[in-house]
Amino acid sequence: MPPLLIAVVGGSGSGKTTVVRAIYEFLGMNAALIDMDAYYKDLSALSFEERRLVNFDHPDSIDIALMADHLALLRAGQPIRKPTYDFAAHTRAAAVVEVTPRDVILVDGILLFVDRRLRELFDIKIFVDVDDDVRFIRRLQRDVAERGRSVDDIIRQYLTTVRPMHLEFVEPSKRWADVILPEGGHNRIGVEMILARVELELERRRKG
């Protein structure tokens, strides 16, 4: 049975991870996780100050070809060596993560629907839709606590790249979604409907 590929897209701080976690916990060990952030291009050739100024919310910052190749391999039943990313250093880390195929491949990222090479690989496409102010507050809290960023740096990045790129690329890409989920993981009924659909699709595939 080929794996079911599910994409969860939404703006930064929309709660994509919460939705992915709900699906993953529902499936148990039958799911593998892929995060688009792991596929930021390697910027180790640039100085730290140069890396800080890179527009990480533009599709050009992502190694889309590598990500598409890896998802195609997983779909074909082949394992991959997923890269990892150092958010404090703004570049790819040396470590890789071995990912083996499962019944479901869960993929989250802000730009998964922008490029046709990725978009056409997914069986179920979910867009998590949350108000801008809520997303900004969540991003601020996360980047300070988990990624070692200063408040001034987070605000600068949000105003210069995050918000403009959201309006140009992320928000318009919701037209490609099969499901638009308002309020993300807090939308209990919506999440339960998605889980029911995933279960139905897996059962259909098991029956051939």
C-alpha atoms as a PDB file:
ATOM      1  CA  MET A   1       0.000   0.000   0.000  1.00  0.00           C
ATOM      2  CA  PRO A   2       1.567   3.344  -0.997  1.00  0.00           C
ATOM      3  CA  PRO A   3       1.749   5.816   1.886  1.00  0.00           C
ATOM      4  CA  LEU A   4      -0.817   8.569   2.255  1.00  0.00           C
ATOM      5  CA  LEU A   5       0.900  11.960   1.986  1.00  0.00           C
ATOM      6  CA  ILE A   6      -0.757  14.730   3.999  1.00  0.00           C
ATOM      7  CA  ALA A   7       0.336  18.381   3.789  1.00  0.00           C
ATOM      8  CA  VAL A   8      -0.440  20.850   6.586  1.00  0.00           C
ATOM      9  CA  VAL A   9       0.128  24.454   5.525  1.00  0.00           C
ATOM     10  CA  GLY A  10      -0.480  27.785   7.237  1.00  0.00           C
ATOM     11  CA  GLY A  11       1.268  30.991   8.140  1.00  0.00           C
ATOM     12  CA  SER A  12       4.052  31.104  10.695  1.00  0.00           C
ATOM     13  CA  GLY A  13       2.519  30.591  14.145  1.00  0.00           C
ATOM     14  CA  SER A  14      -0.778  29.261  12.800  1.00  0.00           C
ATOM     15  CA  GLY A  15      -0.582  26.040  14.802  1.00  0.00           C
ATOM     16  CA  LYS A  16       0.373  23.633  12.026  1.00  0.00           C
ATOM     17  CA  THR A  17       2.404  21.565  14.472  1.00  0.00           C
ATOM     18  CA  THR A  18      -0.612  21.137  16.762  1.00  0.00           C
ATOM     19  CA  VAL A  19      -2.679  19.776  13.876  1.00  0.00           C
ATOM     20  CA  VAL A  20       0.146  17.482  12.752  1.00  0.00           C
ATOM     21  CA  ARG A  21       0.577  16.223  16.329  1.00  0.00           C
ATOM     22  CA  ALA A  22      -3.142  15.427  16.593  1.00  0.00           C
ATOM     23  CA  ILE A  23      -3.011  13.340  13.405  1.00  0.00           C
ATOM     24  CA  TYR A  24       0.233  11.674  14.462  1.00  0.00           C
ATOM     25  CA  GLU A  25      -1.100  10.715  17.897  1.00  0.00           C
ATOM     26  CA  PHE A  26      -4.244   9.328  16.261  1.00  0.00           C
ATOM     27  CA  LEU A  27      -2.140   7.135  13.964  1.00  0.00           C
ATOM     28  CA  GLY A  28       0.501   6.123  16.490  1.00  0.00           C
ATOM     29  CA  MET A  29       3.594   4.579  14.909  1.00  0.00           C
ATOM     30  CA  ASN A  30       1.982   4.401  11.463  1.00  0.00           C
ATOM     31  CA  ALA A  31       3.086   7.929  10.539  1.00  0.00           C
ATOM     32  CA  ALA A  32       6.364   9.643   9.661  1.00  0.00           C
ATOM     33  CA  LEU A  33       6.955  13.375  10.118  1.00  0.00           C
ATOM     34  CA  ILE A  34       8.630  15.717   7.637  1.00  0.00           C
ATOM     35  CA  ASP A  35       9.087  19.432   8.326  1.00  0.00           C
ATOM     36  CA  MET A  36       9.718  21.835   5.468  1.00  0.00           C
ATOM     37  CA  ASP A  37      12.007  23.916   7.713  1.00  0.00           C
ATOM     38  CA  ALA A  38      14.556  21.097   7.507  1.00  0.00           C
ATOM     39  CA  TYR A  39      14.973  21.842   3.801  1.00  0.00           C
ATOM     40  CA  TYR A  40      16.222  25.419   4.067  1.00  0.00           C
ATOM     41  CA  LYS A  41      19.240  25.753   1.821  1.00  0.00           C
ATOM     42  CA  ASP A  42      22.712  25.412   3.308  1.00  0.00           C
ATOM     43  CA  LEU A  43      24.012  28.954   3.948  1.00  0.00           C
ATOM     44  CA  SER A  44      27.236  28.023   5.698  1.00  0.00           C
ATOM     45  CA  ALA A  45      29.248  29.852   3.019  1.00  0.00           C
ATOM     46  CA  LEU A  46      27.743  33.163   4.209  1.00  0.00           C
ATOM     47  CA  SER A  47      28.713  35.082   7.334  1.00  0.00           C
ATOM     48  CA  PHE A  48      26.313  35.040  10.276  1.00  0.00           C
ATOM     49  CA  GLU A  49      25.280  38.647   9.600  1.00  0.00           C
ATOM     50  CA  GLU A  50      24.606  37.822   5.938  1.00  0.00           C
ATOM     51  CA  ARG A  51      22.530  34.791   6.945  1.00  0.00           C
ATOM     52  CA  ARG A  52      20.450  36.923   9.331  1.00  0.00           C
ATOM     53  CA  LEU A  53      19.340  39.075   6.395  1.00  0.00           C
ATOM     54  CA  VAL A  54      18.211  36.193   4.160  1.00  0.00           C
ATOM     55  CA  ASN A  55      14.506  36.116   3.331  1.00  0.00           C
ATOM     56  CA  PHE A  56      13.599  32.718   4.810  1.00  0.00           C
ATOM     57  CA  ASP A  57       9.928  33.175   3.916  1.00  0.00           C
ATOM     58  CA  HIS A  58      10.530  33.228   0.155  1.00  0.00           C
ATOM     59  CA  PRO A  59      10.293  29.963  -1.824  1.00  0.00           C
ATOM     60  CA  ASP A  60      13.855  30.485  -3.075  1.00  0.00           C
ATOM     61  CA  SER A  61      15.147  29.846   0.470  1.00  0.00           C
ATOM     62  CA  ILE A  62      13.930  26.226   0.300  1.00  0.00           C
ATOM     63  CA  ASP A  63      15.684  23.345  -1.454  1.00  0.00           C
ATOM     64  CA  ILE A  64      12.423  22.325  -3.102  1.00  0.00           C
ATOM     65  CA  ALA A  65      14.065  19.894  -5.527  1.00  0.00           C
ATOM     66  CA  LEU A  66      15.610  17.895  -2.672  1.00  0.00           C
ATOM     67  CA  MET A  67      12.364  17.893  -0.703  1.00  0.00           C
ATOM     68  CA  ALA A  68      10.356  16.720  -3.726  1.00  0.00           C
ATOM     69  CA  ASP A  69      12.886  13.940  -4.351  1.00  0.00           C
ATOM     70  CA  HIS A  70      12.684  12.806  -0.713  1.00  0.00           C
ATOM     71  CA  LEU A  71       8.881  12.748  -0.682  1.00  0.00           C
ATOM     72  CA  ALA A  72       8.855  10.790  -3.950  1.00  0.00           C
ATOM     73  CA  LEU A  73      11.275   8.253  -2.422  1.00  0.00           C
ATOM     74  CA  LEU A  74       9.078   7.835   0.661  1.00  0.00           C
ATOM     75  CA  ARG A  75       6.061   7.385  -1.559  1.00  0.00           C
ATOM     76  CA  ALA A  76       7.958   4.644  -3.400  1.00  0.00           C
ATOM     77  CA  GLY A  77       8.733   2.893  -0.115  1.00  0.00           C
ATOM     78  CA  GLN A  78      12.340   4.040   0.159  1.00  0.00           C
ATOM     79  CA  PRO A  79      13.963   5.559   3.294  1.00  0.00           C
ATOM     80  CA  ILE A  80      15.529   9.027   3.234  1.00  0.00           C
ATOM     81  CA  ARG A  81      18.170  10.949   5.177  1.00  0.00           C
ATOM     82  CA  LYS A  82      16.350  14.159   6.083  1.00  0.00           C
ATOM     83  CA  PRO A  83      18.520  17.222   6.740  1.00  0.00           C
ATOM     84  CA  THR A  84      18.217  19.246   9.935  1.00  0.00           C
ATOM     85  CA  TYR A  85      18.406  23.001  10.450  1.00  0.00           C
ATOM     86  CA  ASP A  86      20.068  25.155  13.103  1.00  0.00           C
ATOM     87  CA  PHE A  87      17.711  28.097  13.642  1.00  0.00           C
ATOM     88  CA  ALA A  88      20.066  29.941  15.969  1.00  0.00           C
ATOM     89  CA  ALA A  89      22.903  29.834  13.396  1.00  0.00           C
ATOM     90  CA  HIS A  90      20.573  30.325  10.385  1.00  0.00           C
ATOM     91  CA  THR A  91      22.029  27.429   8.413  1.00  0.00           C
ATOM     92  CA  ARG A  92      21.782  23.690   7.860  1.00  0.00           C
ATOM     93  CA  ALA A  93      23.160  21.527  10.655  1.00  0.00           C
ATOM     94  CA  ALA A  94      25.542  18.620  10.159  1.00  0.00           C
ATOM     95  CA  ALA A  95      23.156  15.988  11.551  1.00  0.00           C
ATOM     96  CA  VAL A  96      20.669  14.090   9.395  1.00  0.00           C
ATOM     97  CA  VAL A  97      17.625  12.047  10.420  1.00  0.00           C
ATOM     98  CA  GLU A  98      16.818   8.656   8.946  1.00  0.00           C
ATOM     99  CA  VAL A  99      13.123   8.540   7.973  1.00  0.00           C
ATOM    100  CA  THR A 100      11.535   5.271   6.919  1.00  0.00           C
ATOM    101  CA  PRO A 101       8.198   5.029   5.088  1.00  0.00           C
ATOM    102  CA  ARG A 102       5.007   4.581   7.094  1.00  0.00           C
ATOM    103  CA  ASP A 103       1.316   4.294   6.203  1.00  0.00           C
ATOM    104  CA  VAL A 104       1.084   8.094   6.430  1.00  0.00           C
ATOM    105  CA  ILE A 105       3.690  10.772   5.722  1.00  0.00           C
ATOM    106  CA  LEU A 106       2.800  14.025   7.524  1.00  0.00           C
ATOM    107  CA  VAL A 107       4.432  17.142   6.089  1.00  0.00           C
ATOM    108  CA  ASP A 108       4.151  20.672   7.471  1.00  0.00           C
ATOM    109  CA  GLY A 109       5.432  23.985   6.145  1.00  0.00           C
ATOM    110  CA  ILE A 110       4.356  27.443   5.080  1.00  0.00           C
ATOM    111  CA  LEU A 111       5.170  27.069   1.372  1.00  0.00           C
ATOM    112  CA  LEU A 112       4.177  23.496   0.501  1.00  0.00           C
ATOM    113  CA  PHE A 113       1.422  24.577  -1.908  1.00  0.00           C
ATOM    114  CA  VAL A 114       3.436  27.247  -3.745  1.00  0.00           C
ATOM    115  CA  ASP A 115       5.460  24.890  -5.957  1.00  0.00           C
ATOM    116  CA  ARG A 116       3.691  22.436  -8.240  1.00  0.00           C
ATOM    117  CA  ARG A 117       6.420  19.789  -7.751  1.00  0.00           C
ATOM    118  CA  LEU A 118       5.446  19.490  -4.098  1.00  0.00           C
ATOM    119  CA  ARG A 119       1.746  20.211  -4.409  1.00  0.00           C
ATOM    120  CA  GLU A 120       1.094  17.313  -6.757  1.00  0.00           C
ATOM    121  CA  LEU A 121       2.646  14.782  -4.377  1.00  0.00           C
ATOM    122  CA  PHE A 122       0.023  15.217  -1.644  1.00  0.00           C
ATOM    123  CA  ASP A 123      -3.143  13.191  -1.269  1.00  0.00           C
ATOM    124  CA  ILE A 124      -4.724  15.469   1.354  1.00  0.00           C
ATOM    125  CA  LYS A 125      -3.928  19.189   1.549  1.00  0.00           C
ATOM    126  CA  ILE A 126      -4.885  21.116   4.714  1.00  0.00           C
ATOM    127  CA  PHE A 127      -4.587  24.873   5.246  1.00  0.00           C
ATOM    128  CA  VAL A 128      -4.624  26.119   8.859  1.00  0.00           C
ATOM    129  CA  ASP A 129      -6.219  29.579   8.898  1.00  0.00           C
ATOM    130  CA  VAL A 130      -5.533  31.783  11.959  1.00  0.00           C
ATOM    131  CA  ASP A 131      -5.701  35.579  12.476  1.00  0.00           C
ATOM    132  CA  ASP A 132      -2.471  37.522  11.870  1.00  0.00           C
ATOM    133  CA  ASP A 133      -2.177  38.960  15.385  1.00  0.00           C
ATOM    134  CA  VAL A 134      -2.503  35.539  17.001  1.00  0.00           C
ATOM    135  CA  ARG A 135       0.128  34.099  14.663  1.00  0.00           C
ATOM    136  CA  PHE A 136       2.558  36.941  15.412  1.00  0.00           C
ATOM    137  CA  ILE A 137       2.238  36.523  19.186  1.00  0.00           C
ATOM    138  CA  ARG A 138       2.822  32.776  18.900  1.00  0.00           C
ATOM    139  CA  ARG A 139       5.855  33.321  16.658  1.00  0.00           C
ATOM    140  CA  LEU A 140       7.292  35.879  19.070  1.00  0.00           C
ATOM    141  CA  GLN A 141       6.937  33.540  22.035  1.00  0.00           C
ATOM    142  CA  ARG A 142       8.365  30.557  20.140  1.00  0.00           C
ATOM    143  CA  ASP A 143      11.385  32.301  18.646  1.00  0.00           C
ATOM    144  CA  VAL A 144      12.413  33.819  21.972  1.00  0.00           C
ATOM    145  CA  ALA A 145      11.968  30.579  23.928  1.00  0.00           C
ATOM    146  CA  GLU A 146      13.152  27.998  21.386  1.00  0.00           C
ATOM    147  CA  ARG A 147      15.333  29.685  18.776  1.00  0.00           C
ATOM    148  CA  GLY A 148      17.422  32.145  20.745  1.00  0.00           C
ATOM    149  CA  ARG A 149      16.158  35.252  18.947  1.00  0.00           C
ATOM    150  CA  SER A 150      15.819  38.746  20.381  1.00  0.00           C
ATOM    151  CA  VAL A 151      12.458  40.539  20.347  1.00  0.00           C
ATOM    152  CA  ASP A 152      13.855  43.329  18.121  1.00  0.00           C
ATOM    153  CA  ASP A 153      15.181  40.784  15.612  1.00  0.00           C
ATOM    154  CA  ILE A 154      11.852  38.917  15.515  1.00  0.00           C
ATOM    155  CA  ILE A 155       9.895  42.137  14.910  1.00  0.00           C
ATOM    156  CA  ARG A 156      12.339  43.250  12.198  1.00  0.00           C
ATOM    157  CA  GLN A 157      12.064  39.916  10.419  1.00  0.00           C
ATOM    158  CA  TYR A 158       8.273  39.855  10.718  1.00  0.00           C
ATOM    159  CA  LEU A 159       7.841  43.324   9.198  1.00  0.00           C
ATOM    160  CA  THR A 160      10.448  42.983   6.444  1.00  0.00           C
ATOM    161  CA  THR A 161       9.885  39.406   5.251  1.00  0.00           C
ATOM    162  CA  VAL A 162       7.395  37.268   7.203  1.00  0.00           C
ATOM    163  CA  ARG A 163       4.300  39.420   6.725  1.00  0.00           C
ATOM    164  CA  PRO A 164       4.990  40.492   3.097  1.00  0.00           C
ATOM    165  CA  MET A 165       5.792  36.908   2.048  1.00  0.00           C
ATOM    166  CA  HIS A 166       2.693  35.603   3.814  1.00  0.00           C
ATOM    167  CA  LEU A 167       0.551  37.991   1.795  1.00  0.00           C
ATOM    168  CA  GLU A 168       2.364  37.199  -1.464  1.00  0.00           C
ATOM    169  CA  PHE A 169       2.773  33.420  -1.218  1.00  0.00           C
ATOM    170  CA  VAL A 170       1.170  31.728   1.783  1.00  0.00           C
ATOM    171  CA  GLU A 171      -2.290  33.284   1.946  1.00  0.00           C
ATOM    172  CA  PRO A 172      -2.983  32.915  -1.811  1.00  0.00           C
ATOM    173  CA  SER A 173      -1.886  29.271  -1.712  1.00  0.00           C
ATOM    174  CA  LYS A 174      -4.938  28.276   0.339  1.00  0.00           C
ATOM    175  CA  ARG A 175      -6.822  27.975  -2.957  1.00  0.00           C
ATOM    176  CA  TRP A 176      -4.983  24.677  -3.467  1.00  0.00           C
ATOM    177  CA  ALA A 177      -6.195  23.241  -0.141  1.00  0.00           C
ATOM    178  CA  ASP A 178      -8.718  20.426   0.116  1.00  0.00           C
ATOM    179  CA  VAL A 179      -9.599  21.535   3.662  1.00  0.00           C
ATOM    180  CA  ILE A 180      -9.343  24.988   5.273  1.00  0.00           C
ATOM    181  CA  LEU A 181      -9.197  24.630   9.054  1.00  0.00           C
ATOM    182  CA  PRO A 182     -10.073  27.836  10.964  1.00  0.00           C
ATOM    183  CA  GLU A 183      -8.316  28.184  14.341  1.00  0.00           C
ATOM    184  CA  GLY A 184      -6.106  25.169  13.687  1.00  0.00           C
ATOM    185  CA  GLY A 185      -5.728  22.668  16.507  1.00  0.00           C
ATOM    186  CA  HIS A 186      -8.269  24.531  18.635  1.00  0.00           C
ATOM    187  CA  ASN A 187     -10.973  23.593  16.121  1.00  0.00           C
ATOM    188  CA  ARG A 188     -11.839  20.254  17.688  1.00  0.00           C
ATOM    189  CA  ILE A 189     -14.679  19.416  15.300  1.00  0.00           C
ATOM    190  CA  GLY A 190     -12.563  20.270  12.270  1.00  0.00           C
ATOM    191  CA  VAL A 191      -9.654  18.130  13.478  1.00  0.00           C
ATOM    192  CA  GLU A 192     -11.993  15.221  14.193  1.00  0.00           C
ATOM    193  CA  MET A 193     -13.406  15.466  10.654  1.00  0.00           C
ATOM    194  CA  ILE A 194      -9.886  15.357   9.229  1.00  0.00           C
ATOM    195  CA  LEU A 195      -9.027  12.307  11.347  1.00  0.00           C
ATOM    196  CA  ALA A 196     -12.175  10.564  10.129  1.00  0.00           C
ATOM    197  CA  ARG A 197     -11.196  11.278   6.524  1.00  0.00           C
ATOM    198  CA  VAL A 198      -7.675   9.953   7.083  1.00  0.00           C
ATOM    199  CA  GLU A 199      -9.061   6.770   8.619  1.00  0.00           C
ATOM    200  CA  LEU A 200     -11.487   6.327   5.712  1.00  0.00           C
ATOM    201  CA  GLU A 201      -8.750   6.813   3.123  1.00  0.00           C
ATOM    202  CA  LEU A 202      -6.411   4.338   4.834  1.00  0.00           C
ATOM    203  CA  GLU A 203      -9.176   1.748   5.032  1.00  0.00           C
ATOM    204  CA  ARG A 204      -9.956   2.230   1.349  1.00  0.00           C
ATOM    205  CA  ARG A 205      -6.290   1.709   0.458  1.00  0.00           C
ATOM    206  CA  ARG A 206      -6.003  -1.419   2.600  1.00  0.00           C
ATOM    207  CA  LYS A 207      -8.927  -2.918   0.718  1.00  0.00           C
ATOM    208  CA  GLY A 208      -7.129  -2.198  -2.554  1.00  0.00           C
END
